[in-house]
Amino acid sequence: MIGEKFINQKPVSLAEVKQLLADRKKEKDLTYEQDITLKFAKKFSKLSLANAKKLQAELEKIEELDSETVTKIIDILPEKKEKLQLLFIKETVLNEVDLQKILSLCKKYRK
């Protein structure tokens, strides 16, 4: 890590982390931290990469959601409105229609 700098930073879902680290593992051995992260991603990732990308595209159509919140929703796939509302910062207020739309999208991809 010494001498390396960030070129770009963006939130990624656990499905993307799992894919990135699995690809890297094919090229070379992972560091201890990367190996632990890969195991975590395999255990807790609820969606395939393709489904995560599809859900991300659908969630990004909702204007009030930023990319970090979209990523949290993809990773958690909340089942109840109360759990979904915990993901938003205090300044973000979604109407009931958007909340129900998010919950129905999560239900659709949870199967």
C-alpha atoms as a PDB file:
ATOM      1  CA  MET A   1       0.000   0.000   0.000  1.00  0.00           C
ATOM      2  CA  ILE A   2       2.908   2.367   0.450  1.00  0.00           C
ATOM      3  CA  GLY A   3       3.148   4.697  -2.489  1.00  0.00           C
ATOM      4  CA  GLU A   4      -0.313   3.853  -3.775  1.00  0.00           C
ATOM      5  CA  LYS A   5      -2.991   6.492  -3.986  1.00  0.00           C
ATOM      6  CA  PHE A   6      -6.713   6.501  -4.614  1.00  0.00           C
ATOM      7  CA  ILE A   7      -7.636   7.262  -8.179  1.00  0.00           C
ATOM      8  CA  ASN A   8     -11.333   6.722  -7.750  1.00  0.00           C
ATOM      9  CA  GLN A   9     -13.569   5.780  -4.866  1.00  0.00           C
ATOM     10  CA  LYS A  10     -17.112   4.445  -5.103  1.00  0.00           C
ATOM     11  CA  PRO A  11     -19.305   2.229  -2.926  1.00  0.00           C
ATOM     12  CA  VAL A  12     -19.615  -1.367  -4.123  1.00  0.00           C
ATOM     13  CA  SER A  13     -21.955  -4.132  -3.045  1.00  0.00           C
ATOM     14  CA  LEU A  14     -20.834  -7.359  -1.404  1.00  0.00           C
ATOM     15  CA  ALA A  15     -21.589  -9.187  -4.656  1.00  0.00           C
ATOM     16  CA  GLU A  16     -19.091  -6.945  -6.467  1.00  0.00           C
ATOM     17  CA  VAL A  17     -16.508  -7.361  -3.706  1.00  0.00           C
ATOM     18  CA  LYS A  18     -16.895 -11.126  -3.917  1.00  0.00           C
ATOM     19  CA  GLN A  19     -16.377 -11.077  -7.690  1.00  0.00           C
ATOM     20  CA  LEU A  20     -13.419  -8.672  -7.570  1.00  0.00           C
ATOM     21  CA  LEU A  21     -11.592 -10.670  -4.923  1.00  0.00           C
ATOM     22  CA  ALA A  22     -12.371 -14.017  -6.564  1.00  0.00           C
ATOM     23  CA  ASP A  23     -10.898 -12.717  -9.825  1.00  0.00           C
ATOM     24  CA  ARG A  24      -7.851 -11.369  -8.009  1.00  0.00           C
ATOM     25  CA  LYS A  25      -7.386 -14.704  -6.235  1.00  0.00           C
ATOM     26  CA  LYS A  26      -7.093 -16.411  -9.633  1.00  0.00           C
ATOM     27  CA  GLU A  27      -4.236 -14.057 -10.583  1.00  0.00           C
ATOM     28  CA  LYS A  28      -2.256 -14.108  -7.329  1.00  0.00           C
ATOM     29  CA  ASP A  29      -2.494 -14.956  -3.647  1.00  0.00           C
ATOM     30  CA  LEU A  30      -4.629 -12.661  -1.566  1.00  0.00           C
ATOM     31  CA  THR A  31      -3.376 -10.830   1.472  1.00  0.00           C
ATOM     32  CA  TYR A  32      -4.743 -11.868   4.856  1.00  0.00           C
ATOM     33  CA  GLU A  33      -7.214  -8.979   4.903  1.00  0.00           C
ATOM     34  CA  GLN A  34      -8.391  -9.689   1.363  1.00  0.00           C
ATOM     35  CA  ASP A  35      -8.893 -13.365   2.168  1.00  0.00           C
ATOM     36  CA  ILE A  36     -10.979 -12.521   5.261  1.00  0.00           C
ATOM     37  CA  THR A  37     -13.011 -10.035   3.208  1.00  0.00           C
ATOM     38  CA  LEU A  38     -13.638 -12.629   0.494  1.00  0.00           C
ATOM     39  CA  LYS A  39     -14.867 -15.153   3.076  1.00  0.00           C
ATOM     40  CA  PHE A  40     -17.153 -12.494   4.576  1.00  0.00           C
ATOM     41  CA  ALA A  41     -18.522 -11.523   1.151  1.00  0.00           C
ATOM     42  CA  LYS A  42     -19.188 -15.166   0.253  1.00  0.00           C
ATOM     43  CA  LYS A  43     -21.018 -15.736   3.529  1.00  0.00           C
ATOM     44  CA  PHE A  44     -23.159 -12.594   3.617  1.00  0.00           C
ATOM     45  CA  SER A  45     -23.717 -11.653  -0.024  1.00  0.00           C
ATOM     46  CA  LYS A  46     -27.381 -12.277  -0.758  1.00  0.00           C
ATOM     47  CA  LEU A  47     -27.375 -11.710  -4.519  1.00  0.00           C
ATOM     48  CA  SER A  48     -25.405 -12.757  -7.549  1.00  0.00           C
ATOM     49  CA  LEU A  49     -23.424 -10.042  -9.299  1.00  0.00           C
ATOM     50  CA  ALA A  50     -25.903  -9.922 -12.188  1.00  0.00           C
ATOM     51  CA  ASN A  51     -28.907  -9.514  -9.902  1.00  0.00           C
ATOM     52  CA  ALA A  52     -27.079  -6.920  -7.802  1.00  0.00           C
ATOM     53  CA  LYS A  53     -26.370  -4.866 -10.930  1.00  0.00           C
ATOM     54  CA  LYS A  54     -30.004  -5.139 -12.077  1.00  0.00           C
ATOM     55  CA  LEU A  55     -31.305  -4.086  -8.668  1.00  0.00           C
ATOM     56  CA  GLN A  56     -28.804  -1.228  -8.559  1.00  0.00           C
ATOM     57  CA  ALA A  57     -30.016   0.056 -11.932  1.00  0.00           C
ATOM     58  CA  GLU A  58     -33.628  -0.053 -10.766  1.00  0.00           C
ATOM     59  CA  LEU A  59     -32.894   1.634  -7.431  1.00  0.00           C
ATOM     60  CA  GLU A  60     -30.892   4.422  -9.073  1.00  0.00           C
ATOM     61  CA  LYS A  61     -34.056   5.496 -10.881  1.00  0.00           C
ATOM     62  CA  ILE A  62     -35.353   6.765  -7.528  1.00  0.00           C
ATOM     63  CA  GLU A  63     -33.962  10.300  -7.389  1.00  0.00           C
ATOM     64  CA  GLU A  64     -33.715  10.653  -3.614  1.00  0.00           C
ATOM     65  CA  LEU A  65     -31.302   7.715  -3.261  1.00  0.00           C
ATOM     66  CA  ASP A  66     -27.569   8.276  -3.431  1.00  0.00           C
ATOM     67  CA  SER A  67     -25.080   5.571  -4.456  1.00  0.00           C
ATOM     68  CA  GLU A  68     -24.094   4.722  -0.869  1.00  0.00           C
ATOM     69  CA  THR A  69     -27.694   4.130   0.180  1.00  0.00           C
ATOM     70  CA  VAL A  70     -28.352   2.043  -2.933  1.00  0.00           C
ATOM     71  CA  THR A  71     -25.367  -0.141  -2.032  1.00  0.00           C
ATOM     72  CA  LYS A  72     -26.623  -0.566   1.549  1.00  0.00           C
ATOM     73  CA  ILE A  73     -30.058  -1.580   0.293  1.00  0.00           C
ATOM     74  CA  ILE A  74     -28.525  -4.150  -2.078  1.00  0.00           C
ATOM     75  CA  ASP A  75     -26.408  -5.675   0.696  1.00  0.00           C
ATOM     76  CA  ILE A  76     -29.174  -5.808   3.312  1.00  0.00           C
ATOM     77  CA  LEU A  77     -32.313  -6.361   1.185  1.00  0.00           C
ATOM     78  CA  PRO A  78     -34.631  -5.098   3.924  1.00  0.00           C
ATOM     79  CA  GLU A  79     -37.981  -6.834   4.351  1.00  0.00           C
ATOM     80  CA  LYS A  80     -39.768  -4.242   6.479  1.00  0.00           C
ATOM     81  CA  LYS A  81     -40.257  -0.511   6.145  1.00  0.00           C
ATOM     82  CA  GLU A  82     -38.774   0.154   9.583  1.00  0.00           C
ATOM     83  CA  LYS A  83     -35.538  -1.604   8.700  1.00  0.00           C
ATOM     84  CA  LEU A  84     -35.373   0.255   5.395  1.00  0.00           C
ATOM     85  CA  GLN A  85     -35.824   3.626   7.070  1.00  0.00           C
ATOM     86  CA  LEU A  86     -32.821   2.953   9.309  1.00  0.00           C
ATOM     87  CA  LEU A  87     -30.581   3.098   6.242  1.00  0.00           C
ATOM     88  CA  PHE A  88     -31.360   6.735   5.476  1.00  0.00           C
ATOM     89  CA  ILE A  89     -29.673   9.750   6.965  1.00  0.00           C
ATOM     90  CA  LYS A  90     -31.913  12.153   8.848  1.00  0.00           C
ATOM     91  CA  GLU A  91     -32.076  14.668   5.992  1.00  0.00           C
ATOM     92  CA  THR A  92     -33.365  12.074   3.522  1.00  0.00           C
ATOM     93  CA  VAL A  93     -37.115  11.685   3.618  1.00  0.00           C
ATOM     94  CA  LEU A  94     -38.797   9.320   1.191  1.00  0.00           C
ATOM     95  CA  ASN A  95     -42.495   9.250   0.540  1.00  0.00           C
ATOM     96  CA  GLU A  96     -44.542   6.111   1.140  1.00  0.00           C
ATOM     97  CA  VAL A  97     -44.684   5.269  -2.577  1.00  0.00           C
ATOM     98  CA  ASP A  98     -40.883   5.202  -2.907  1.00  0.00           C
ATOM     99  CA  LEU A  99     -40.504   3.147   0.269  1.00  0.00           C
ATOM    100  CA  GLN A 100     -42.977   0.568  -0.989  1.00  0.00           C
ATOM    101  CA  LYS A 101     -41.278   0.521  -4.390  1.00  0.00           C
ATOM    102  CA  ILE A 102     -37.905  -0.195  -2.763  1.00  0.00           C
ATOM    103  CA  LEU A 103     -39.394  -2.940  -0.598  1.00  0.00           C
ATOM    104  CA  SER A 104     -41.084  -4.566  -3.588  1.00  0.00           C
ATOM    105  CA  LEU A 105     -37.822  -4.469  -5.570  1.00  0.00           C
ATOM    106  CA  CYS A 106     -35.992  -6.081  -2.664  1.00  0.00           C
ATOM    107  CA  LYS A 107     -38.659  -8.766  -2.416  1.00  0.00           C
ATOM    108  CA  LYS A 108     -38.405  -9.425  -6.162  1.00  0.00           C
ATOM    109  CA  TYR A 109     -34.646 -10.020  -6.008  1.00  0.00           C
ATOM    110  CA  ARG A 110     -34.611 -11.820  -2.653  1.00  0.00           C
ATOM    111  CA  LYS A 111     -36.147 -14.947  -4.213  1.00  0.00           C
END
